[in-house]
Amino acid sequence: MGEMEERLLAAVEKLAEKVEKVGLIQEKLEVMDKKLEKQGERLDQVQAKVDLSLESLGQVLQEQIHVMQAVKRTVPATLVIPTRTMEATSSVTREQPQGYP
């Protein structure tokens, strides 16, 4: 009977160790769960800000399109920019002072 009790006691001790390890794992999982909840809340906040930003950018884009269309209706189609050539400059800038080579 003594041998049976020793084996039973050893099995109960192993079981107690396993239960203790399961308890530690449970605690770690609870900590991880809390962290995950906080990260989820932060992600929700970031998502809301991103949604607002995208909505604002869409509104800005629409405003730019309206402005561009209004400008196209009011500005002439071709815009001529004069270029400055040597012939167009005054003779004063092309001539060197007398007495200098």
PDB file of N, CA and C in Angstrom:
ATOM      1  N   MET A   1       0.803  -1.182   0.000  1.00  0.00           N
ATOM      2  CA  MET A   1       0.000   0.000   0.000  1.00  0.00           C
ATOM      3  C   MET A   1       0.853   1.257   0.000  1.00  0.00           C
ATOM      4  N   GLY A   2       1.970   1.251   0.650  1.00  0.00           N
ATOM      5  CA  GLY A   2       2.850   2.395   0.731  1.00  0.00           C
ATOM      6  C   GLY A   2       3.367   2.809  -0.634  1.00  0.00           C
ATOM      7  N   GLU A   3       3.676   1.795  -1.473  1.00  0.00           N
ATOM      8  CA  GLU A   3       4.182   2.090  -2.816  1.00  0.00           C
ATOM      9  C   GLU A   3       3.093   2.757  -3.656  1.00  0.00           C
ATOM     10  N   MET A   4       1.890   2.291  -3.525  1.00  0.00           N
ATOM     11  CA  MET A   4       0.763   2.853  -4.258  1.00  0.00           C
ATOM     12  C   MET A   4       0.521   4.296  -3.841  1.00  0.00           C
ATOM     13  N   GLU A   5       0.638   4.562  -2.555  1.00  0.00           N
ATOM     14  CA  GLU A   5       0.445   5.921  -2.053  1.00  0.00           C
ATOM     15  C   GLU A   5       1.530   6.849  -2.584  1.00  0.00           C
ATOM     16  N   GLU A   6       2.769   6.336  -2.668  1.00  0.00           N
ATOM     17  CA  GLU A   6       3.884   7.150  -3.181  1.00  0.00           C
ATOM     18  C   GLU A   6       3.643   7.509  -4.650  1.00  0.00           C
ATOM     19  N   ARG A   7       3.194   6.541  -5.450  1.00  0.00           N
ATOM     20  CA  ARG A   7       2.916   6.809  -6.862  1.00  0.00           C
ATOM     21  C   ARG A   7       1.756   7.788  -7.007  1.00  0.00           C
ATOM     22  N   LEU A   8       0.769   7.616  -6.193  1.00  0.00           N
ATOM     23  CA  LEU A   8      -0.381   8.510  -6.224  1.00  0.00           C
ATOM     24  C   LEU A   8       0.028   9.921  -5.824  1.00  0.00           C
ATOM     25  N   LEU A   9       0.870  10.035  -4.791  1.00  0.00           N
ATOM     26  CA  LEU A   9       1.365  11.337  -4.337  1.00  0.00           C
ATOM     27  C   LEU A   9       2.208  11.994  -5.431  1.00  0.00           C
ATOM     28  N   ALA A  10       3.068  11.221  -6.111  1.00  0.00           N
ATOM     29  CA  ALA A  10       3.898  11.751  -7.195  1.00  0.00           C
ATOM     30  C   ALA A  10       3.012  12.243  -8.341  1.00  0.00           C
ATOM     31  N   ALA A  11       1.977  11.499  -8.672  1.00  0.00           N
ATOM     32  CA  ALA A  11       1.070  11.900  -9.751  1.00  0.00           C
ATOM     33  C   ALA A  11       0.329  13.179  -9.384  1.00  0.00           C
ATOM     34  N   VAL A  12      -0.087  13.294  -8.131  1.00  0.00           N
ATOM     35  CA  VAL A  12      -0.785  14.494  -7.677  1.00  0.00           C
ATOM     36  C   VAL A  12       0.160  15.692  -7.709  1.00  0.00           C
ATOM     37  N   GLU A  13       1.428  15.500  -7.339  1.00  0.00           N
ATOM     38  CA  GLU A  13       2.413  16.591  -7.369  1.00  0.00           C
ATOM     39  C   GLU A  13       2.651  17.058  -8.808  1.00  0.00           C
ATOM     40  N   LYS A  14       2.760  16.104  -9.746  1.00  0.00           N
ATOM     41  CA  LYS A  14       2.936  16.469 -11.159  1.00  0.00           C
ATOM     42  C   LYS A  14       1.720  17.235 -11.663  1.00  0.00           C
ATOM     43  N   LEU A  15       0.566  16.768 -11.254  1.00  0.00           N
ATOM     44  CA  LEU A  15      -0.665  17.440 -11.649  1.00  0.00           C
ATOM     45  C   LEU A  15      -0.719  18.854 -11.077  1.00  0.00           C
ATOM     46  N   ALA A  16      -0.281  19.026  -9.840  1.00  0.00           N
ATOM     47  CA  ALA A  16      -0.263  20.352  -9.205  1.00  0.00           C
ATOM     48  C   ALA A  16       0.698  21.281  -9.945  1.00  0.00           C
ATOM     49  N   GLU A  17       1.860  20.759 -10.371  1.00  0.00           N
ATOM     50  CA  GLU A  17       2.822  21.563 -11.134  1.00  0.00           C
ATOM     51  C   GLU A  17       2.206  22.006 -12.467  1.00  0.00           C
ATOM     52  N   LYS A  18       1.523  21.076 -13.125  1.00  0.00           N
ATOM     53  CA  LYS A  18       0.889  21.409 -14.402  1.00  0.00           C
ATOM     54  C   LYS A  18      -0.212  22.446 -14.217  1.00  0.00           C
ATOM     55  N   VAL A  19      -0.983  22.318 -13.149  1.00  0.00           N
ATOM     56  CA  VAL A  19      -2.041  23.288 -12.873  1.00  0.00           C
ATOM     57  C   VAL A  19      -1.429  24.659 -12.608  1.00  0.00           C
ATOM     58  N   GLU A  20      -0.305  24.678 -11.890  1.00  0.00           N
ATOM     59  CA  GLU A  20       0.383  25.946 -11.614  1.00  0.00           C
ATOM     60  C   GLU A  20       0.872  26.579 -12.920  1.00  0.00           C
ATOM     61  N   LYS A  21       1.433  25.769 -13.819  1.00  0.00           N
ATOM     62  CA  LYS A  21       1.902  26.286 -15.108  1.00  0.00           C
ATOM     63  C   LYS A  21       0.730  26.804 -15.942  1.00  0.00           C
ATOM     64  N   VAL A  22      -0.379  26.102 -15.893  1.00  0.00           N
ATOM     65  CA  VAL A  22      -1.569  26.545 -16.610  1.00  0.00           C
ATOM     66  C   VAL A  22      -2.043  27.875 -16.038  1.00  0.00           C
ATOM     67  N   GLY A  23      -1.960  28.032 -14.713  1.00  0.00           N
ATOM     68  CA  GLY A  23      -2.335  29.297 -14.071  1.00  0.00           C
ATOM     69  C   GLY A  23      -1.455  30.443 -14.545  1.00  0.00           C
ATOM     70  N   LEU A  24      -0.137  30.197 -14.643  1.00  0.00           N
ATOM     71  CA  LEU A  24       0.782  31.232 -15.140  1.00  0.00           C
ATOM     72  C   LEU A  24       0.458  31.591 -16.591  1.00  0.00           C
ATOM     73  N   ILE A  25       0.183  30.573 -17.386  1.00  0.00           N
ATOM     74  CA  ILE A  25      -0.179  30.823 -18.784  1.00  0.00           C
ATOM     75  C   ILE A  25      -1.466  31.633 -18.856  1.00  0.00           C
ATOM     76  N   GLN A  26      -2.408  31.308 -17.995  1.00  0.00           N
ATOM     77  CA  GLN A  26      -3.682  32.038 -17.949  1.00  0.00           C
ATOM     78  C   GLN A  26      -3.442  33.509 -17.631  1.00  0.00           C
ATOM     79  N   GLU A  27      -2.576  33.797 -16.657  1.00  0.00           N
ATOM     80  CA  GLU A  27      -2.269  35.187 -16.290  1.00  0.00           C
ATOM     81  C   GLU A  27      -1.641  35.933 -17.464  1.00  0.00           C
ATOM     82  N   LYS A  28      -0.695  35.274 -18.135  1.00  0.00           N
ATOM     83  CA  LYS A  28      -0.041  35.903 -19.284  1.00  0.00           C
ATOM     84  C   LYS A  28      -1.043  36.170 -20.405  1.00  0.00           C
ATOM     85  N   LEU A  29      -1.956  35.240 -20.613  1.00  0.00           N
ATOM     86  CA  LEU A  29      -2.977  35.432 -21.643  1.00  0.00           C
ATOM     87  C   LEU A  29      -3.900  36.596 -21.297  1.00  0.00           C
ATOM     88  N   GLU A  30      -4.223  36.762 -20.027  1.00  0.00           N
ATOM     89  CA  GLU A  30      -5.066  37.882 -19.608  1.00  0.00           C
ATOM     90  C   GLU A  30      -4.359  39.213 -19.854  1.00  0.00           C
ATOM     91  N   VAL A  31      -3.053  39.265 -19.547  1.00  0.00           N
ATOM     92  CA  VAL A  31      -2.279  40.486 -19.799  1.00  0.00           C
ATOM     93  C   VAL A  31      -2.256  40.781 -21.299  1.00  0.00           C
ATOM     94  N   MET A  32      -2.028  39.752 -22.093  1.00  0.00           N
ATOM     95  CA  MET A  32      -2.000  39.934 -23.546  1.00  0.00           C
ATOM     96  C   MET A  32      -3.361  40.377 -24.068  1.00  0.00           C
ATOM     97  N   ASP A  33      -4.427  39.846 -23.492  1.00  0.00           N
ATOM     98  CA  ASP A  33      -5.777  40.217 -23.905  1.00  0.00           C
ATOM     99  C   ASP A  33      -6.043  41.693 -23.623  1.00  0.00           C
ATOM    100  N   LYS A  34      -5.599  42.170 -22.463  1.00  0.00           N
ATOM    101  CA  LYS A  34      -5.776  43.590 -22.125  1.00  0.00           C
ATOM    102  C   LYS A  34      -4.993  44.473 -23.095  1.00  0.00           C
ATOM    103  N   LYS A  35      -3.768  44.063 -23.406  1.00  0.00           N
ATOM    104  CA  LYS A  35      -2.965  44.830 -24.362  1.00  0.00           C
ATOM    105  C   LYS A  35      -3.640  44.850 -25.734  1.00  0.00           C
ATOM    106  N   LEU A  36      -4.181  43.722 -26.126  1.00  0.00           N
ATOM    107  CA  LEU A  36      -4.857  43.630 -27.418  1.00  0.00           C
ATOM    108  C   LEU A  36      -6.085  44.534 -27.457  1.00  0.00           C
ATOM    109  N   GLU A  37      -6.820  44.600 -26.352  1.00  0.00           N
ATOM    110  CA  GLU A  37      -7.979  45.492 -26.286  1.00  0.00           C
ATOM    111  C   GLU A  37      -7.553  46.947 -26.440  1.00  0.00           C
ATOM    112  N   LYS A  38      -6.469  47.331 -25.747  1.00  0.00           N
ATOM    113  CA  LYS A  38      -5.978  48.712 -25.847  1.00  0.00           C
ATOM    114  C   LYS A  38      -5.536  49.017 -27.274  1.00  0.00           C
ATOM    115  N   GLN A  39      -4.832  48.074 -27.891  1.00  0.00           N
ATOM    116  CA  GLN A  39      -4.386  48.284 -29.267  1.00  0.00           C
ATOM    117  C   GLN A  39      -5.584  48.400 -30.210  1.00  0.00           C
ATOM    118  N   GLY A  40      -6.615  47.613 -29.961  1.00  0.00           N
ATOM    119  CA  GLY A  40      -7.829  47.699 -30.776  1.00  0.00           C
ATOM    120  C   GLY A  40      -8.484  49.060 -30.657  1.00  0.00           C
ATOM    121  N   GLU A  41      -8.522  49.595 -29.424  1.00  0.00           N
ATOM    122  CA  GLU A  41      -9.088  50.930 -29.212  1.00  0.00           C
ATOM    123  C   GLU A  41      -8.262  51.983 -29.945  1.00  0.00           C
ATOM    124  N   ARG A  42      -6.939  51.859 -29.849  1.00  0.00           N
ATOM    125  CA  ARG A  42      -6.065  52.812 -30.550  1.00  0.00           C
ATOM    126  C   ARG A  42      -6.256  52.707 -32.056  1.00  0.00           C
ATOM    127  N   LEU A  43      -6.379  51.490 -32.536  1.00  0.00           N
ATOM    128  CA  LEU A  43      -6.581  51.288 -33.969  1.00  0.00           C
ATOM    129  C   LEU A  43      -7.898  51.910 -34.420  1.00  0.00           C
ATOM    130  N   ASP A  44      -8.926  51.797 -33.603  1.00  0.00           N
ATOM    131  CA  ASP A  44     -10.208  52.423 -33.929  1.00  0.00           C
ATOM    132  C   ASP A  44     -10.068  53.940 -34.011  1.00  0.00           C
ATOM    133  N   GLN A  45      -9.297  54.524 -33.071  1.00  0.00           N
ATOM    134  CA  GLN A  45      -9.083  55.974 -33.090  1.00  0.00           C
ATOM    135  C   GLN A  45      -8.324  56.384 -34.346  1.00  0.00           C
ATOM    136  N   VAL A  46      -7.284  55.635 -34.672  1.00  0.00           N
ATOM    137  CA  VAL A  46      -6.493  55.945 -35.868  1.00  0.00           C
ATOM    138  C   VAL A  46      -7.356  55.803 -37.119  1.00  0.00           C
ATOM    139  N   GLN A  47      -8.174  54.761 -37.161  1.00  0.00           N
ATOM    140  CA  GLN A  47      -9.039  54.552 -38.323  1.00  0.00           C
ATOM    141  C   GLN A  47     -10.006  55.712 -38.494  1.00  0.00           C
ATOM    142  N   ALA A  48     -10.541  56.210 -37.386  1.00  0.00           N
ATOM    143  CA  ALA A  48     -11.458  57.356 -37.463  1.00  0.00           C
ATOM    144  C   ALA A  48     -10.736  58.580 -38.012  1.00  0.00           C
ATOM    145  N   LYS A  49      -9.499  58.800 -37.559  1.00  0.00           N
ATOM    146  CA  LYS A  49      -8.729  59.947 -38.047  1.00  0.00           C
ATOM    147  C   LYS A  49      -8.394  59.786 -39.525  1.00  0.00           C
ATOM    148  N   VAL A  50      -8.035  58.588 -39.933  1.00  0.00           N
ATOM    149  CA  VAL A  50      -7.732  58.335 -41.346  1.00  0.00           C
ATOM    150  C   VAL A  50      -8.977  58.572 -42.200  1.00  0.00           C
ATOM    151  N   ASP A  51     -10.124  58.102 -41.722  1.00  0.00           N
ATOM    152  CA  ASP A  51     -11.371  58.314 -42.460  1.00  0.00           C
ATOM    153  C   ASP A  51     -11.664  59.802 -42.624  1.00  0.00           C
ATOM    154  N   LEU A  52     -11.485  60.575 -41.548  1.00  0.00           N
ATOM    155  CA  LEU A  52     -11.714  62.019 -41.634  1.00  0.00           C
ATOM    156  C   LEU A  52     -10.729  62.676 -42.596  1.00  0.00           C
ATOM    157  N   SER A  53      -9.470  62.239 -42.540  1.00  0.00           N
ATOM    158  CA  SER A  53      -8.457  62.804 -43.434  1.00  0.00           C
ATOM    159  C   SER A  53      -8.793  62.515 -44.889  1.00  0.00           C
ATOM    160  N   LEU A  54      -9.184  61.291 -45.172  1.00  0.00           N
ATOM    161  CA  LEU A  54      -9.529  60.937 -46.551  1.00  0.00           C
ATOM    162  C   LEU A  54     -10.752  61.706 -47.023  1.00  0.00           C
ATOM    163  N   GLU A  55     -11.706  61.892 -46.131  1.00  0.00           N
ATOM    164  CA  GLU A  55     -12.892  62.668 -46.493  1.00  0.00           C
ATOM    165  C   GLU A  55     -12.506  64.112 -46.802  1.00  0.00           C
ATOM    166  N   SER A  56     -11.623  64.679 -45.974  1.00  0.00           N
ATOM    167  CA  SER A  56     -11.172  66.053 -46.206  1.00  0.00           C
ATOM    168  C   SER A  56     -10.402  66.161 -47.514  1.00  0.00           C
ATOM    169  N   LEU A  57      -9.538  65.185 -47.781  1.00  0.00           N
ATOM    170  CA  LEU A  57      -8.782  65.202 -49.032  1.00  0.00           C
ATOM    171  C   LEU A  57      -9.714  65.102 -50.232  1.00  0.00           C
ATOM    172  N   GLY A  58     -10.748  64.313 -50.118  1.00  0.00           N
ATOM    173  CA  GLY A  58     -11.728  64.213 -51.200  1.00  0.00           C
ATOM    174  C   GLY A  58     -12.421  65.539 -51.453  1.00  0.00           C
ATOM    175  N   GLN A  59     -12.755  66.243 -50.362  1.00  0.00           N
ATOM    176  CA  GLN A  59     -13.396  67.549 -50.504  1.00  0.00           C
ATOM    177  C   GLN A  59     -12.442  68.550 -51.148  1.00  0.00           C
ATOM    178  N   VAL A  60     -11.171  68.518 -50.740  1.00  0.00           N
ATOM    179  CA  VAL A  60     -10.176  69.424 -51.325  1.00  0.00           C
ATOM    180  C   VAL A  60     -10.023  69.126 -52.810  1.00  0.00           C
ATOM    181  N   LEU A  61      -9.980  67.857 -53.163  1.00  0.00           N
ATOM    182  CA  LEU A  61      -9.855  67.479 -54.571  1.00  0.00           C
ATOM    183  C   LEU A  61     -11.046  67.991 -55.373  1.00  0.00           C
ATOM    184  N   GLN A  62     -12.247  67.848 -54.843  1.00  0.00           N
ATOM    185  CA  GLN A  62     -13.434  68.349 -55.535  1.00  0.00           C
ATOM    186  C   GLN A  62     -13.361  69.866 -55.710  1.00  0.00           C
ATOM    187  N   GLU A  63     -12.908  70.569 -54.677  1.00  0.00           N
ATOM    188  CA  GLU A  63     -12.775  72.026 -54.776  1.00  0.00           C
ATOM    189  C   GLU A  63     -11.750  72.399 -55.837  1.00  0.00           C
ATOM    190  N   GLN A  64     -10.632  71.664 -55.892  1.00  0.00           N
ATOM    191  CA  GLN A  64      -9.612  71.942 -56.899  1.00  0.00           C
ATOM    192  C   GLN A  64     -10.163  71.710 -58.305  1.00  0.00           C
ATOM    193  N   ILE A  65     -10.952  70.682 -58.471  1.00  0.00           N
ATOM    194  CA  ILE A  65     -11.550  70.406 -59.781  1.00  0.00           C
ATOM    195  C   ILE A  65     -12.477  71.546 -60.185  1.00  0.00           C
ATOM    196  N   HIS A  66     -13.297  72.022 -59.247  1.00  0.00           N
ATOM    197  CA  HIS A  66     -14.211  73.129 -59.550  1.00  0.00           C
ATOM    198  C   HIS A  66     -13.430  74.393 -59.908  1.00  0.00           C
ATOM    199  N   VAL A  67     -12.359  74.674 -59.164  1.00  0.00           N
ATOM    200  CA  VAL A  67     -11.544  75.859 -59.449  1.00  0.00           C
ATOM    201  C   VAL A  67     -10.887  75.718 -60.813  1.00  0.00           C
ATOM    202  N   MET A  68     -10.346  74.537 -61.107  1.00  0.00           N
ATOM    203  CA  MET A  68      -9.693  74.320 -62.392  1.00  0.00           C
ATOM    204  C   MET A  68     -10.688  74.507 -63.539  1.00  0.00           C
ATOM    205  N   GLN A  69     -11.889  73.999 -63.380  1.00  0.00           N
ATOM    206  CA  GLN A  69     -12.900  74.159 -64.424  1.00  0.00           C
ATOM    207  C   GLN A  69     -13.286  75.627 -64.587  1.00  0.00           C
ATOM    208  N   ALA A  70     -13.380  76.350 -63.482  1.00  0.00           N
ATOM    209  CA  ALA A  70     -13.715  77.774 -63.556  1.00  0.00           C
ATOM    210  C   ALA A  70     -12.596  78.548 -64.236  1.00  0.00           C
ATOM    211  N   VAL A  71     -11.358  78.203 -63.933  1.00  0.00           N
ATOM    212  CA  VAL A  71     -10.217  78.884 -64.551  1.00  0.00           C
ATOM    213  C   VAL A  71     -10.179  78.584 -66.044  1.00  0.00           C
ATOM    214  N   LYS A  72     -10.448  77.360 -66.431  1.00  0.00           N
ATOM    215  CA  LYS A  72     -10.451  77.005 -67.852  1.00  0.00           C
ATOM    216  C   LYS A  72     -11.508  77.792 -68.618  1.00  0.00           C
ATOM    217  N   ARG A  73     -12.629  78.086 -67.985  1.00  0.00           N
ATOM    218  CA  ARG A  73     -13.691  78.834 -68.652  1.00  0.00           C
ATOM    219  C   ARG A  73     -13.337  80.309 -68.791  1.00  0.00           C
ATOM    220  N   THR A  74     -12.512  80.850 -67.902  1.00  0.00           N
ATOM    221  CA  THR A  74     -12.241  82.285 -67.920  1.00  0.00           C
ATOM    222  C   THR A  74     -10.914  82.647 -68.562  1.00  0.00           C
ATOM    223  N   VAL A  75      -9.931  81.780 -68.569  1.00  0.00           N
ATOM    224  CA  VAL A  75      -8.604  82.081 -69.112  1.00  0.00           C
ATOM    225  C   VAL A  75      -8.562  81.650 -70.571  1.00  0.00           C
ATOM    226  N   PRO A  76      -7.920  82.465 -71.448  1.00  0.00           N
ATOM    227  CA  PRO A  76      -7.789  82.059 -72.849  1.00  0.00           C
ATOM    228  C   PRO A  76      -7.064  80.716 -72.958  1.00  0.00           C
ATOM    229  N   ALA A  77      -7.368  80.004 -74.033  1.00  0.00           N
ATOM    230  CA  ALA A  77      -6.823  78.661 -74.198  1.00  0.00           C
ATOM    231  C   ALA A  77      -5.313  78.670 -74.359  1.00  0.00           C
ATOM    232  N   THR A  78      -4.760  79.672 -75.084  1.00  0.00           N
ATOM    233  CA  THR A  78      -3.317  79.707 -75.283  1.00  0.00           C
ATOM    234  C   THR A  78      -2.751  80.911 -74.570  1.00  0.00           C
ATOM    235  N   LEU A  79      -1.654  80.721 -73.970  1.00  0.00           N
ATOM    236  CA  LEU A  79      -0.971  81.788 -73.257  1.00  0.00           C
ATOM    237  C   LEU A  79       0.395  81.944 -73.907  1.00  0.00           C
ATOM    238  N   VAL A  80       0.640  83.098 -74.529  1.00  0.00           N
ATOM    239  CA  VAL A  80       1.890  83.342 -75.229  1.00  0.00           C
ATOM    240  C   VAL A  80       2.823  84.075 -74.284  1.00  0.00           C
ATOM    241  N   ILE A  81       3.982  83.490 -74.086  1.00  0.00           N
ATOM    242  CA  ILE A  81       4.995  84.115 -73.238  1.00  0.00           C
ATOM    243  C   ILE A  81       6.103  84.601 -74.154  1.00  0.00           C
ATOM    244  N   PRO A  82       6.313  85.919 -74.212  1.00  0.00           N
ATOM    245  CA  PRO A  82       7.359  86.430 -75.103  1.00  0.00           C
ATOM    246  C   PRO A  82       8.734  86.011 -74.593  1.00  0.00           C
ATOM    247  N   THR A  83       9.613  85.732 -75.558  1.00  0.00           N
ATOM    248  CA  THR A  83      10.983  85.383 -75.191  1.00  0.00           C
ATOM    249  C   THR A  83      11.880  86.560 -75.489  1.00  0.00           C
ATOM    250  N   ARG A  84      12.925  86.671 -74.763  1.00  0.00           N
ATOM    251  CA  ARG A  84      13.843  87.790 -74.923  1.00  0.00           C
ATOM    252  C   ARG A  84      15.015  87.326 -75.772  1.00  0.00           C
ATOM    253  N   THR A  85      15.184  87.930 -76.936  1.00  0.00           N
ATOM    254  CA  THR A  85      16.287  87.575 -77.824  1.00  0.00           C
ATOM    255  C   THR A  85      17.251  88.741 -77.901  1.00  0.00           C
ATOM    256  N   MET A  86      18.362  88.531 -78.569  1.00  0.00           N
ATOM    257  CA  MET A  86      19.374  89.571 -78.697  1.00  0.00           C
ATOM    258  C   MET A  86      18.830  90.744 -79.511  1.00  0.00           C
ATOM    259  N   GLU A  87      17.997  90.483 -80.514  1.00  0.00           N
ATOM    260  CA  GLU A  87      17.440  91.555 -81.326  1.00  0.00           C
ATOM    261  C   GLU A  87      16.450  92.397 -80.528  1.00  0.00           C
ATOM    262  N   ALA A  88      15.825  91.782 -79.558  1.00  0.00           N
ATOM    263  CA  ALA A  88      14.820  92.500 -78.785  1.00  0.00           C
ATOM    264  C   ALA A  88      15.443  93.386 -77.709  1.00  0.00           C
ATOM    265  N   THR A  89      16.713  93.168 -77.368  1.00  0.00           N
ATOM    266  CA  THR A  89      17.349  93.995 -76.339  1.00  0.00           C
ATOM    267  C   THR A  89      17.746  95.329 -76.934  1.00  0.00           C
ATOM    268  N   SER A  90      17.929  96.290 -76.097  1.00  0.00           N
ATOM    269  CA  SER A  90      18.267  97.632 -76.592  1.00  0.00           C
ATOM    270  C   SER A  90      19.694  97.654 -77.108  1.00  0.00           C
ATOM    271  N   SER A  91      19.962  98.629 -77.959  1.00  0.00           N
ATOM    272  CA  SER A  91      21.302  98.753 -78.534  1.00  0.00           C
ATOM    273  C   SER A  91      22.307  99.157 -77.468  1.00  0.00           C
ATOM    274  N   VAL A  92      21.849  99.736 -76.398  1.00  0.00           N
ATOM    275  CA  VAL A  92      22.766 100.158 -75.333  1.00  0.00           C
ATOM    276  C   VAL A  92      23.412  98.949 -74.692  1.00  0.00           C
ATOM    277  N   THR A  93      22.696  97.901 -74.500  1.00  0.00           N
ATOM    278  CA  THR A  93      23.261  96.729 -73.832  1.00  0.00           C
ATOM    279  C   THR A  93      24.156  95.923 -74.755  1.00  0.00           C
ATOM    280  N   ARG A  94      23.982  96.062 -76.090  1.00  0.00           N
ATOM    281  CA  ARG A  94      24.816  95.301 -77.017  1.00  0.00           C
ATOM    282  C   ARG A  94      26.116  96.019 -77.346  1.00  0.00           C
ATOM    283  N   GLU A  95      26.110  97.327 -77.284  1.00  0.00           N
ATOM    284  CA  GLU A  95      27.301  98.077 -77.678  1.00  0.00           C
ATOM    285  C   GLU A  95      28.238  98.224 -76.498  1.00  0.00           C
ATOM    286  N   GLN A  96      29.535  98.151 -76.791  1.00  0.00           N
ATOM    287  CA  GLN A  96      30.520  98.370 -75.747  1.00  0.00           C
ATOM    288  C   GLN A  96      30.901  99.841 -75.745  1.00  0.00           C
ATOM    289  N   PRO A  97      31.269 100.359 -74.614  1.00  0.00           N
ATOM    290  CA  PRO A  97      31.657 101.772 -74.545  1.00  0.00           C
ATOM    291  C   PRO A  97      32.841 102.051 -75.466  1.00  0.00           C
ATOM    292  N   GLN A  98      32.910 103.292 -75.943  1.00  0.00           N
ATOM    293  CA  GLN A  98      33.993 103.675 -76.842  1.00  0.00           C
ATOM    294  C   GLN A  98      35.310 103.656 -76.080  1.00  0.00           C
ATOM    295  N   GLY A  99      36.338 103.238 -76.753  1.00  0.00           N
ATOM    296  CA  GLY A  99      37.661 103.216 -76.168  1.00  0.00           C
ATOM    297  C   GLY A  99      38.004 101.884 -75.522  1.00  0.00           C
ATOM    298  N   TYR A 100      37.061 100.977 -75.479  1.00  0.00           N
ATOM    299  CA  TYR A 100      37.315  99.647 -74.909  1.00  0.00           C
ATOM    300  C   TYR A 100      37.196  98.621 -76.018  1.00  0.00           C
ATOM    301  N   PRO A 101      38.106  97.658 -76.049  1.00  0.00           N
ATOM    302  CA  PRO A 101      38.033  96.646 -77.110  1.00  0.00           C
ATOM    303  C   PRO A 101      36.862  95.717 -76.970  1.00  0.00           C
TER     304      PRO A 101
END
